[in-house]
Amino acid sequence: MPASANFVLVCTPYLTPADLEKERVHLSRLLATPEMKERFYQSIELVNRNHITTSRSVIKDELSRRPMRSFRFVINKN
């Protein structure tokens, strides 16, 4: 997928619940692709009190915790 690709999801009142579910499934599959995951990890950073990291393994570990530990924040770099 080119870096300049844009995604547009249009929901109108004319879509049936089955059509909405189909769109949701397609969007979920798209967001689960390895390229989208890579872009996600490139665009966020983890703030741990006074320390900021962009390490994918540290971020992945922290996101897998439920609930997240205190004073840990995932923020978008943009």
C-alpha atoms as a PDB file:
ATOM      1  CA  MET A   1       0.000   0.000   0.000  1.00  0.00           C
ATOM      2  CA  PRO A   2       1.534   3.373  -0.960  1.00  0.00           C
ATOM      3  CA  ALA A   3       2.307   5.856   1.783  1.00  0.00           C
ATOM      4  CA  SER A   4      -0.012   8.411   0.185  1.00  0.00           C
ATOM      5  CA  ALA A   5      -3.081   6.144   0.372  1.00  0.00           C
ATOM      6  CA  ASN A   6      -6.110   7.625   2.077  1.00  0.00           C
ATOM      7  CA  PHE A   7      -8.877   5.655   3.723  1.00  0.00           C
ATOM      8  CA  VAL A   8     -12.451   6.843   3.726  1.00  0.00           C
ATOM      9  CA  LEU A   9     -15.262   5.061   5.497  1.00  0.00           C
ATOM     10  CA  VAL A  10     -18.696   6.414   4.663  1.00  0.00           C
ATOM     11  CA  CYS A  11     -21.608   5.390   6.854  1.00  0.00           C
ATOM     12  CA  THR A  12     -25.011   6.516   5.742  1.00  0.00           C
ATOM     13  CA  PRO A  13     -28.445   5.871   7.215  1.00  0.00           C
ATOM     14  CA  TYR A  14     -29.191   3.825   4.090  1.00  0.00           C
ATOM     15  CA  LEU A  15     -26.805   1.007   5.020  1.00  0.00           C
ATOM     16  CA  THR A  16     -28.396  -2.034   6.549  1.00  0.00           C
ATOM     17  CA  PRO A  17     -26.995  -3.508   9.766  1.00  0.00           C
ATOM     18  CA  ALA A  18     -25.574  -6.377   7.692  1.00  0.00           C
ATOM     19  CA  ASP A  19     -23.794  -3.896   5.389  1.00  0.00           C
ATOM     20  CA  LEU A  20     -22.396  -2.006   8.387  1.00  0.00           C
ATOM     21  CA  GLU A  21     -21.085  -5.256   9.858  1.00  0.00           C
ATOM     22  CA  LYS A  22     -19.480  -6.160   6.524  1.00  0.00           C
ATOM     23  CA  GLU A  23     -17.737  -2.740   6.407  1.00  0.00           C
ATOM     24  CA  ARG A  24     -16.564  -3.178  10.002  1.00  0.00           C
ATOM     25  CA  VAL A  25     -15.058  -6.583   9.188  1.00  0.00           C
ATOM     26  CA  HIS A  26     -13.262  -5.209   6.115  1.00  0.00           C
ATOM     27  CA  LEU A  27     -11.872  -2.297   8.120  1.00  0.00           C
ATOM     28  CA  SER A  28     -10.729  -4.607  10.933  1.00  0.00           C
ATOM     29  CA  ARG A  29      -8.888  -6.813   8.444  1.00  0.00           C
ATOM     30  CA  LEU A  30      -7.232  -3.797   6.883  1.00  0.00           C
ATOM     31  CA  LEU A  31      -6.053  -2.444  10.232  1.00  0.00           C
ATOM     32  CA  ALA A  32      -4.713  -5.862  11.228  1.00  0.00           C
ATOM     33  CA  THR A  33      -2.296  -6.081   8.304  1.00  0.00           C
ATOM     34  CA  PRO A  34       1.410  -6.107   9.199  1.00  0.00           C
ATOM     35  CA  GLU A  35       2.014  -2.840   7.359  1.00  0.00           C
ATOM     36  CA  MET A  36      -0.661  -1.021   9.367  1.00  0.00           C
ATOM     37  CA  LYS A  37       0.722  -2.436  12.618  1.00  0.00           C
ATOM     38  CA  GLU A  38       4.184  -1.194  11.646  1.00  0.00           C
ATOM     39  CA  ARG A  39       2.811   2.272  10.924  1.00  0.00           C
ATOM     40  CA  PHE A  40       1.023   2.245  14.292  1.00  0.00           C
ATOM     41  CA  TYR A  41       4.227   1.482  16.181  1.00  0.00           C
ATOM     42  CA  GLN A  42       6.122   4.110  14.185  1.00  0.00           C
ATOM     43  CA  SER A  43       3.573   6.787  15.025  1.00  0.00           C
ATOM     44  CA  ILE A  44       3.343   6.375  18.804  1.00  0.00           C
ATOM     45  CA  GLU A  45       5.622   6.589  21.784  1.00  0.00           C
ATOM     46  CA  LEU A  46       5.313   5.474  25.394  1.00  0.00           C
ATOM     47  CA  VAL A  47       5.723   8.037  28.158  1.00  0.00           C
ATOM     48  CA  ASN A  48       6.710   6.561  31.502  1.00  0.00           C
ATOM     49  CA  ARG A  49       6.835   9.416  34.003  1.00  0.00           C
ATOM     50  CA  ASN A  50      10.033  11.188  32.917  1.00  0.00           C
ATOM     51  CA  HIS A  51      11.131   8.726  30.245  1.00  0.00           C
ATOM     52  CA  ILE A  52       9.921   8.526  26.641  1.00  0.00           C
ATOM     53  CA  THR A  53      10.543   5.449  24.501  1.00  0.00           C
ATOM     54  CA  THR A  54       9.763   4.451  20.937  1.00  0.00           C
ATOM     55  CA  SER A  55      10.937   0.857  21.406  1.00  0.00           C
ATOM     56  CA  ARG A  56       8.398  -1.411  19.737  1.00  0.00           C
ATOM     57  CA  SER A  57       8.907  -4.265  22.214  1.00  0.00           C
ATOM     58  CA  VAL A  58       8.424  -2.011  25.242  1.00  0.00           C
ATOM     59  CA  ILE A  59       5.302  -0.429  23.755  1.00  0.00           C
ATOM     60  CA  LYS A  60       3.892  -3.818  22.761  1.00  0.00           C
ATOM     61  CA  ASP A  61       4.515  -5.176  26.264  1.00  0.00           C
ATOM     62  CA  GLU A  62       2.825  -2.197  27.894  1.00  0.00           C
ATOM     63  CA  LEU A  63      -0.211  -2.350  25.580  1.00  0.00           C
ATOM     64  CA  SER A  64      -0.700  -6.020  26.427  1.00  0.00           C
ATOM     65  CA  ARG A  65      -1.152  -5.221  30.136  1.00  0.00           C
ATOM     66  CA  ARG A  66      -4.704  -4.824  31.384  1.00  0.00           C
ATOM     67  CA  PRO A  67      -5.034  -2.364  32.965  1.00  0.00           C
ATOM     68  CA  MET A  68      -1.970  -0.339  32.059  1.00  0.00           C
ATOM     69  CA  ARG A  69       0.317   0.532  34.921  1.00  0.00           C
ATOM     70  CA  SER A  70       0.045   3.949  36.535  1.00  0.00           C
ATOM     71  CA  PHE A  71       1.772   6.937  34.933  1.00  0.00           C
ATOM     72  CA  ARG A  72       2.265   5.215  31.563  1.00  0.00           C
ATOM     73  CA  PHE A  73       0.790   6.958  28.555  1.00  0.00           C
ATOM     74  CA  VAL A  74       0.764   6.007  24.879  1.00  0.00           C
ATOM     75  CA  ILE A  75       0.752   9.148  22.783  1.00  0.00           C
ATOM     76  CA  ASN A  76       0.789   9.923  19.086  1.00  0.00           C
ATOM     77  CA  LYS A  77       3.987  11.603  17.864  1.00  0.00           C
ATOM     78  CA  ASN A  78       2.095  13.796  15.420  1.00  0.00           C
END
